C-alpha cells in the first residue's frame, strides 16, 4: 500500500470517527436541553397551581369579609 493510500485511509477514518463522536455528543446535549425544558415547564405549572390556590383562598376571604360587612352594616 502506498503512502498516499495510507494517508487517505487514515484521514477518512479519522474524519468518520470525528463525525460520529460529534453527532453523539450533540445528541446528548440536545437531550439534556430538552430535559431541562420539561423541568422548567413542570416548575411553571407548579407555580401556576400555587398562585391559583392563593387566588381562591383570597377570594374566599374576601367573600367572608363582605358578608361580615353587610351584617355589620345591617346592624347599624
PDB file of N, CA and C in Angstrom:
ATOM      1  N   UNK A   1       0.853  -1.159   0.000  1.00  0.00           N
ATOM      2  CA  UNK A   1       0.000   0.000   0.000  1.00  0.00           C
ATOM      3  C   UNK A   1       0.908   1.234   0.000  1.00  0.00           C
ATOM      4  N   UNK A   2       0.553   2.193  -0.833  1.00  0.00           N
ATOM      5  CA  UNK A   2       1.379   3.384  -0.964  1.00  0.00           C
ATOM      6  C   UNK A   2       1.111   4.352   0.193  1.00  0.00           C
ATOM      7  N   UNK A   3       1.985   5.298   0.331  1.00  0.00           N
ATOM      8  CA  UNK A   3       1.869   6.301   1.392  1.00  0.00           C
ATOM      9  C   UNK A   3       0.621   7.149   1.191  1.00  0.00           C
ATOM     10  N   UNK A   4       0.318   7.504  -0.040  1.00  0.00           N
ATOM     11  CA  UNK A   4      -0.870   8.306  -0.332  1.00  0.00           C
ATOM     12  C   UNK A   4      -2.135   7.538   0.056  1.00  0.00           C
ATOM     13  N   UNK A   5      -2.165   6.263  -0.211  1.00  0.00           N
ATOM     14  CA  UNK A   5      -3.332   5.437   0.130  1.00  0.00           C
ATOM     15  C   UNK A   5      -3.481   5.331   1.655  1.00  0.00           C
ATOM     16  N   UNK A   6      -2.354   5.139   2.339  1.00  0.00           N
ATOM     17  CA  UNK A   6      -2.399   5.061   3.806  1.00  0.00           C
ATOM     18  C   UNK A   6      -2.875   6.388   4.407  1.00  0.00           C
ATOM     19  N   UNK A   7      -2.397   7.503   3.862  1.00  0.00           N
ATOM     20  CA  UNK A   7      -2.792   8.817   4.344  1.00  0.00           C
ATOM     21  C   UNK A   7      -4.284   9.045   4.115  1.00  0.00           C
ATOM     22  N   UNK A   8      -4.751   8.666   2.946  1.00  0.00           N
ATOM     23  CA  UNK A   8      -6.168   8.812   2.621  1.00  0.00           C
ATOM     24  C   UNK A   8      -7.023   7.964   3.551  1.00  0.00           C
ATOM     25  N   UNK A   9      -6.614   6.734   3.778  1.00  0.00           N
ATOM     26  CA  UNK A   9      -7.347   5.834   4.665  1.00  0.00           C
ATOM     27  C   UNK A   9      -7.378   6.393   6.092  1.00  0.00           C
ATOM     28  N   UNK A  10      -6.245   6.845   6.577  1.00  0.00           N
ATOM     29  CA  UNK A  10      -6.182   7.388   7.936  1.00  0.00           C
ATOM     30  C   UNK A  10      -7.037   8.652   8.059  1.00  0.00           C
ATOM     31  N   UNK A  11      -6.981   9.505   7.056  1.00  0.00           N
ATOM     32  CA  UNK A  11      -7.753  10.751   7.075  1.00  0.00           C
ATOM     33  C   UNK A  11      -9.252  10.470   7.065  1.00  0.00           C
ATOM     34  N   UNK A  12      -9.688   9.560   6.201  1.00  0.00           N
ATOM     35  CA  UNK A  12     -11.117   9.247   6.142  1.00  0.00           C
ATOM     36  C   UNK A  12     -11.584   8.551   7.426  1.00  0.00           C
ATOM     37  N   UNK A  13     -10.748   7.682   7.984  1.00  0.00           N
ATOM     38  CA  UNK A  13     -11.120   7.010   9.234  1.00  0.00           C
ATOM     39  C   UNK A  13     -11.218   8.031  10.365  1.00  0.00           C
ATOM     40  N   UNK A  14     -10.267   8.933  10.443  1.00  0.00           N
ATOM     41  CA  UNK A  14     -10.282   9.972  11.470  1.00  0.00           C
ATOM     42  C   UNK A  14     -11.488  10.897  11.295  1.00  0.00           C
ATOM     43  N   UNK A  15     -11.776  11.258  10.069  1.00  0.00           N
ATOM     44  CA  UNK A  15     -12.934  12.108   9.785  1.00  0.00           C
ATOM     45  C   UNK A  15     -14.243  11.422  10.168  1.00  0.00           C
ATOM     46  N   UNK A  16     -14.342  10.136   9.851  1.00  0.00           N
ATOM     47  CA  UNK A  16     -15.552   9.380  10.182  1.00  0.00           C
ATOM     48  C   UNK A  16     -15.738   9.278  11.687  1.00  0.00           C
ATOM     49  N   UNK A  17     -14.676   8.958  12.395  1.00  0.00           N
ATOM     50  CA  UNK A  17     -14.751   8.861  13.855  1.00  0.00           C
ATOM     51  C   UNK A  17     -15.109  10.212  14.461  1.00  0.00           C
ATOM     52  N   UNK A  18     -14.529  11.276  13.933  1.00  0.00           N
ATOM     53  CA  UNK A  18     -14.833  12.618  14.440  1.00  0.00           C
ATOM     54  C   UNK A  18     -16.302  12.969  14.245  1.00  0.00           C
ATOM     55  N   UNK A  19     -16.842  12.655  13.083  1.00  0.00           N
ATOM     56  CA  UNK A  19     -18.252  12.943  12.804  1.00  0.00           C
ATOM     57  C   UNK A  19     -19.157  12.146  13.736  1.00  0.00           C
ATOM     58  N   UNK A  20     -18.840  10.865  13.936  1.00  0.00           N
ATOM     59  CA  UNK A  20     -19.648  10.017  14.817  1.00  0.00           C
ATOM     60  C   UNK A  20     -19.617  10.559  16.244  1.00  0.00           C
ATOM     61  N   UNK A  21     -18.452  10.942  16.734  1.00  0.00           N
ATOM     62  CA  UNK A  21     -18.351  11.498  18.092  1.00  0.00           C
ATOM     63  C   UNK A  21     -19.095  12.819  18.219  1.00  0.00           C
ATOM     64  N   UNK A  22     -18.972  13.682  17.219  1.00  0.00           N
ATOM     65  CA  UNK A  22     -19.668  14.956  17.244  1.00  0.00           C
ATOM     66  C   UNK A  22     -21.180  14.763  17.310  1.00  0.00           C
ATOM     67  N   UNK A  23     -21.697  13.866  16.466  1.00  0.00           N
ATOM     68  CA  UNK A  23     -23.133  13.605  16.441  1.00  0.00           C
ATOM     69  C   UNK A  23     -23.590  13.034  17.789  1.00  0.00           C
ATOM     70  N   UNK A  24     -22.801  12.131  18.349  1.00  0.00           N
ATOM     71  CA  UNK A  24     -23.150  11.535  19.636  1.00  0.00           C
ATOM     72  C   UNK A  24     -23.228  12.605  20.732  1.00  0.00           C
ATOM     73  N   UNK A  25     -22.222  13.437  20.837  1.00  0.00           N
ATOM     74  CA  UNK A  25     -22.210  14.471  21.865  1.00  0.00           C
ATOM     75  C   UNK A  25     -23.295  15.525  21.613  1.00  0.00           C
ATOM     76  N   UNK A  26     -23.581  15.822  20.358  1.00  0.00           N
ATOM     77  CA  UNK A  26     -24.644  16.776  20.031  1.00  0.00           C
ATOM     78  C   UNK A  26     -26.004  16.220  20.448  1.00  0.00           C
ATOM     79  N   UNK A  27     -26.226  14.929  20.205  1.00  0.00           N
ATOM     80  CA  UNK A  27     -27.488  14.308  20.623  1.00  0.00           C
ATOM     81  C   UNK A  27     -27.621  14.306  22.149  1.00  0.00           C
ATOM     82  N   UNK A  28     -26.524  14.046  22.834  1.00  0.00           N
ATOM     83  CA  UNK A  28     -26.545  14.060  24.299  1.00  0.00           C
ATOM     84  C   UNK A  28     -26.871  15.461  24.813  1.00  0.00           C
ATOM     85  N   UNK A  29     -26.271  16.468  24.217  1.00  0.00           N
ATOM     86  CA  UNK A  29     -26.533  17.848  24.632  1.00  0.00           C
ATOM     87  C   UNK A  29     -27.982  18.240  24.337  1.00  0.00           C
ATOM     88  N   UNK A  30     -28.507  17.842  23.177  1.00  0.00           N
ATOM     89  CA  UNK A  30     -29.896  18.139  22.827  1.00  0.00           C
ATOM     90  C   UNK A  30     -30.862  17.469  23.796  1.00  0.00           C
ATOM     91  N   UNK A  31     -30.564  16.241  24.164  1.00  0.00           N
ATOM     92  CA  UNK A  31     -31.423  15.509  25.099  1.00  0.00           C
ATOM     93  C   UNK A  31     -31.427  16.197  26.464  1.00  0.00           C
ATOM     94  N   UNK A  32     -30.272  16.638  26.916  1.00  0.00           N
ATOM     95  CA  UNK A  32     -30.186  17.341  28.202  1.00  0.00           C
ATOM     96  C   UNK A  32     -30.956  18.658  28.146  1.00  0.00           C
ATOM     97  N   UNK A  33     -30.858  19.370  27.037  1.00  0.00           N
ATOM     98  CA  UNK A  33     -31.574  20.639  26.895  1.00  0.00           C
ATOM     99  C   UNK A  33     -33.083  20.410  26.888  1.00  0.00           C
ATOM    100  N   UNK A  34     -33.544  19.374  26.220  1.00  0.00           N
ATOM    101  CA  UNK A  34     -34.975  19.071  26.206  1.00  0.00           C
ATOM    102  C   UNK A  34     -35.454  18.693  27.600  1.00  0.00           C
ATOM    103  N   UNK A  35     -34.635  17.968  28.342  1.00  0.00           N
ATOM    104  CA  UNK A  35     -35.000  17.577  29.701  1.00  0.00           C
ATOM    105  C   UNK A  35     -35.112  18.806  30.597  1.00  0.00           C
ATOM    106  N   UNK A  36     -34.216  19.754  30.431  1.00  0.00           N
ATOM    107  CA  UNK A  36     -34.293  20.994  31.201  1.00  0.00           C
ATOM    108  C   UNK A  36     -35.578  21.755  30.878  1.00  0.00           C
ATOM    109  N   UNK A  37     -36.007  21.692  29.620  1.00  0.00           N
ATOM    110  CA  UNK A  37     -37.265  22.324  29.232  1.00  0.00           C
ATOM    111  C   UNK A  37     -38.451  21.703  29.949  1.00  0.00           C
ATOM    112  N   UNK A  38     -38.439  20.380  30.079  1.00  0.00           N
ATOM    113  CA  UNK A  38     -39.513  19.681  30.784  1.00  0.00           C
ATOM    114  C   UNK A  38     -39.516  20.082  32.258  1.00  0.00           C
ATOM    115  N   UNK A  39     -38.342  20.134  32.863  1.00  0.00           N
ATOM    116  CA  UNK A  39     -38.245  20.525  34.273  1.00  0.00           C
ATOM    117  C   UNK A  39     -38.758  21.955  34.461  1.00  0.00           C
ATOM    118  N   UNK A  40     -38.388  22.855  33.552  1.00  0.00           N
ATOM    119  CA  UNK A  40     -38.831  24.246  33.629  1.00  0.00           C
ATOM    120  C   UNK A  40     -40.360  24.331  33.483  1.00  0.00           C
ATOM    121  N   UNK A  41     -40.935  23.553  32.565  1.00  0.00           N
ATOM    122  CA  UNK A  41     -42.381  23.546  32.389  1.00  0.00           C
ATOM    123  C   UNK A  41     -43.097  23.025  33.635  1.00  0.00           C
ATOM    124  N   UNK A  42     -42.555  21.985  34.244  1.00  0.00           N
ATOM    125  CA  UNK A  42     -43.164  21.442  35.454  1.00  0.00           C
ATOM    126  C   UNK A  42     -43.133  22.473  36.580  1.00  0.00           C
ATOM    127  N   UNK A  43     -42.042  23.198  36.690  1.00  0.00           N
ATOM    128  CA  UNK A  43     -41.919  24.233  37.720  1.00  0.00           C
ATOM    129  C   UNK A  43     -42.930  25.358  37.472  1.00  0.00           C
ATOM    130  N   UNK A  44     -43.100  25.744  36.211  1.00  0.00           N
ATOM    131  CA  UNK A  44     -44.067  26.791  35.891  1.00  0.00           C
ATOM    132  C   UNK A  44     -45.486  26.338  36.211  1.00  0.00           C
ATOM    133  N   UNK A  45     -45.789  25.070  35.946  1.00  0.00           N
ATOM    134  CA  UNK A  45     -47.115  24.543  36.268  1.00  0.00           C
ATOM    135  C   UNK A  45     -47.338  24.525  37.776  1.00  0.00           C
ATOM    136  N   UNK A  46     -46.307  24.164  38.536  1.00  0.00           N
ATOM    137  CA  UNK A  46     -46.417  24.150  39.994  1.00  0.00           C
ATOM    138  C   UNK A  46     -46.692  25.564  40.517  1.00  0.00           C
ATOM    139  N   UNK A  47     -45.956  26.537  39.995  1.00  0.00           N
ATOM    140  CA  UNK A  47     -46.145  27.922  40.423  1.00  0.00           C
ATOM    141  C   UNK A  47     -47.557  28.396  40.060  1.00  0.00           C
ATOM    142  N   UNK A  48     -48.028  28.017  38.879  1.00  0.00           N
ATOM    143  CA  UNK A  48     -49.371  28.413  38.464  1.00  0.00           C
ATOM    144  C   UNK A  48     -50.424  27.823  39.397  1.00  0.00           C
ATOM    145  N   UNK A  49     -50.262  26.556  39.788  1.00  0.00           N
ATOM    146  CA  UNK A  49     -51.206  25.929  40.716  1.00  0.00           C
ATOM    147  C   UNK A  49     -51.189  26.634  42.073  1.00  0.00           C
ATOM    148  N   UNK A  50     -49.996  26.992  42.552  1.00  0.00           N
ATOM    149  CA  UNK A  50     -49.885  27.705  43.827  1.00  0.00           C
ATOM    150  C   UNK A  50     -50.574  29.066  43.751  1.00  0.00           C
ATOM    151  N   UNK A  51     -50.357  29.779  42.673  1.00  0.00           N
ATOM    152  CA  UNK A  51     -50.977  31.094  42.518  1.00  0.00           C
ATOM    153  C   UNK A  51     -52.495  30.965  42.441  1.00  0.00           C
ATOM    154  N   UNK A  52     -52.974  29.932  41.750  1.00  0.00           N
ATOM    155  CA  UNK A  52     -54.416  29.721  41.647  1.00  0.00           C
ATOM    156  C   UNK A  52     -55.006  29.404  43.019  1.00  0.00           C
ATOM    157  N   UNK A  53     -54.299  28.584  43.807  1.00  0.00           N
ATOM    158  CA  UNK A  53     -54.767  28.257  45.155  1.00  0.00           C
ATOM    159  C   UNK A  53     -54.785  29.515  46.031  1.00  0.00           C
ATOM    160  N   UNK A  54     -53.752  30.344  45.916  1.00  0.00           N
ATOM    161  CA  UNK A  54     -53.716  31.601  46.668  1.00  0.00           C
ATOM    162  C   UNK A  54     -54.877  32.512  46.259  1.00  0.00           C
ATOM    163  N   UNK A  55     -55.157  32.569  44.974  1.00  0.00           N
ATOM    164  CA  UNK A  55     -56.242  33.394  44.471  1.00  0.00           C
ATOM    165  C   UNK A  55     -57.584  32.908  45.023  1.00  0.00           C
ATOM    166  N   UNK A  56     -57.797  31.600  45.009  1.00  0.00           N
ATOM    167  CA  UNK A  56     -59.036  31.033  45.532  1.00  0.00           C
ATOM    168  C   UNK A  56     -59.192  31.342  47.027  1.00  0.00           C
ATOM    169  N   UNK A  57     -58.111  31.183  47.764  1.00  0.00           N
ATOM    170  CA  UNK A  57     -58.154  31.462  49.192  1.00  0.00           C
ATOM    171  C   UNK A  57     -58.452  32.945  49.430  1.00  0.00           C
ATOM    172  N   UNK A  58     -57.845  33.810  48.667  1.00  0.00           N
ATOM    173  CA  UNK A  58     -58.072  35.249  48.799  1.00  0.00           C
ATOM    174  C   UNK A  58     -59.520  35.594  48.455  1.00  0.00           C
ATOM    175  N   UNK A  59     -60.062  34.938  47.447  1.00  0.00           N
ATOM    176  CA  UNK A  59     -61.449  35.186  47.054  1.00  0.00           C
ATOM    177  C   UNK A  59     -62.411  34.753  48.163  1.00  0.00           C
ATOM    178  N   UNK A  60     -62.133  33.610  48.786  1.00  0.00           N
ATOM    179  CA  UNK A  60     -62.973  33.151  49.888  1.00  0.00           C
ATOM    180  C   UNK A  60     -62.905  34.118  51.067  1.00  0.00           C
ATOM    181  N   UNK A  61     -61.706  34.578  51.380  1.00  0.00           N
ATOM    182  CA  UNK A  61     -61.559  35.547  52.467  1.00  0.00           C
ATOM    183  C   UNK A  61     -62.310  36.837  52.156  1.00  0.00           C
ATOM    184  N   UNK A  62     -62.253  37.265  50.918  1.00  0.00           N
ATOM    185  CA  UNK A  62     -62.961  38.481  50.515  1.00  0.00           C
ATOM    186  C   UNK A  62     -64.479  38.299  50.651  1.00  0.00           C
ATOM    187  N   UNK A  63     -64.978  37.117  50.264  1.00  0.00           N
ATOM    188  CA  UNK A  63     -66.409  36.850  50.408  1.00  0.00           C
ATOM    189  C   UNK A  63     -66.827  36.886  51.880  1.00  0.00           C
ATOM    190  N   UNK A  64     -66.014  36.289  52.747  1.00  0.00           N
ATOM    191  CA  UNK A  64     -66.310  36.309  54.180  1.00  0.00           C
ATOM    192  C   UNK A  64     -66.294  37.746  54.713  1.00  0.00           C
ATOM    193  N   UNK A  65     -65.337  38.522  54.286  1.00  0.00           N
ATOM    194  CA  UNK A  65     -65.237  39.915  54.709  1.00  0.00           C
ATOM    195  C   UNK A  65     -66.479  40.699  54.269  1.00  0.00           C
ATOM    196  N   UNK A  66     -66.890  40.475  53.008  1.00  0.00           N
ATOM    197  CA  UNK A  66     -68.069  41.185  52.500  1.00  0.00           C
ATOM    198  C   UNK A  66     -69.327  40.777  53.274  1.00  0.00           C
ATOM    199  N   UNK A  67     -69.428  39.501  53.642  1.00  0.00           N
ATOM    200  CA  UNK A  67     -70.578  39.053  54.427  1.00  0.00           C
ATOM    201  C   UNK A  67     -70.581  39.738  55.790  1.00  0.00           C
ATOM    202  N   UNK A  68     -69.410  39.817  56.419  1.00  0.00           N
ATOM    203  CA  UNK A  68     -69.314  40.487  57.700  1.00  0.00           C
ATOM    204  C   UNK A  68     -69.637  41.969  57.571  1.00  0.00           C
ATOM    205  N   UNK A  69     -69.254  42.580  56.473  1.00  0.00           N
ATOM    206  CA  UNK A  69     -69.547  44.000  56.240  1.00  0.00           C
ATOM    207  C   UNK A  69     -71.046  44.225  56.097  1.00  0.00           C
ATOM    208  N   UNK A  70     -71.707  43.331  55.353  1.00  0.00           N
ATOM    209  CA  UNK A  70     -73.144  43.504  55.155  1.00  0.00           C
ATOM    210  C   UNK A  70     -73.898  43.253  56.459  1.00  0.00           C
ATOM    211  N   UNK A  71     -73.426  42.302  57.269  1.00  0.00           N
ATOM    212  CA  UNK A  71     -74.066  42.029  58.558  1.00  0.00           C
ATOM    213  C   UNK A  71     -73.874  43.212  59.484  1.00  0.00           C
ATOM    214  N   UNK A  72     -72.651  43.759  59.550  1.00  0.00           N
ATOM    215  CA  UNK A  72     -72.396  44.889  60.459  1.00  0.00           C
ATOM    216  C   UNK A  72     -73.090  46.150  59.942  1.00  0.00           C
ATOM    217  N   UNK A  73     -73.221  46.313  58.636  1.00  0.00           N
ATOM    218  CA  UNK A  73     -73.944  47.457  58.092  1.00  0.00           C
ATOM    219  C   UNK A  73     -75.448  47.332  58.370  1.00  0.00           C
ATOM    220  N   UNK A  74     -75.961  46.111  58.400  1.00  0.00           N
ATOM    221  CA  UNK A  74     -77.366  45.885  58.686  1.00  0.00           C
ATOM    222  C   UNK A  74     -77.703  46.150  60.133  1.00  0.00           C
ATOM    223  N   UNK A  75     -76.741  45.991  61.040  1.00  0.00           N
ATOM    224  CA  UNK A  75     -76.995  46.222  62.449  1.00  0.00           C
ATOM    225  C   UNK A  75     -77.031  47.697  62.799  1.00  0.00           C
ATOM    226  N   UNK A  76     -76.456  48.536  62.000  1.00  0.00           N
ATOM    227  CA  UNK A  76     -76.373  49.974  62.286  1.00  0.00           C
ATOM    228  C   UNK A  76     -77.629  50.671  61.992  1.00  0.00           C
TER     229      UNK A  76
END
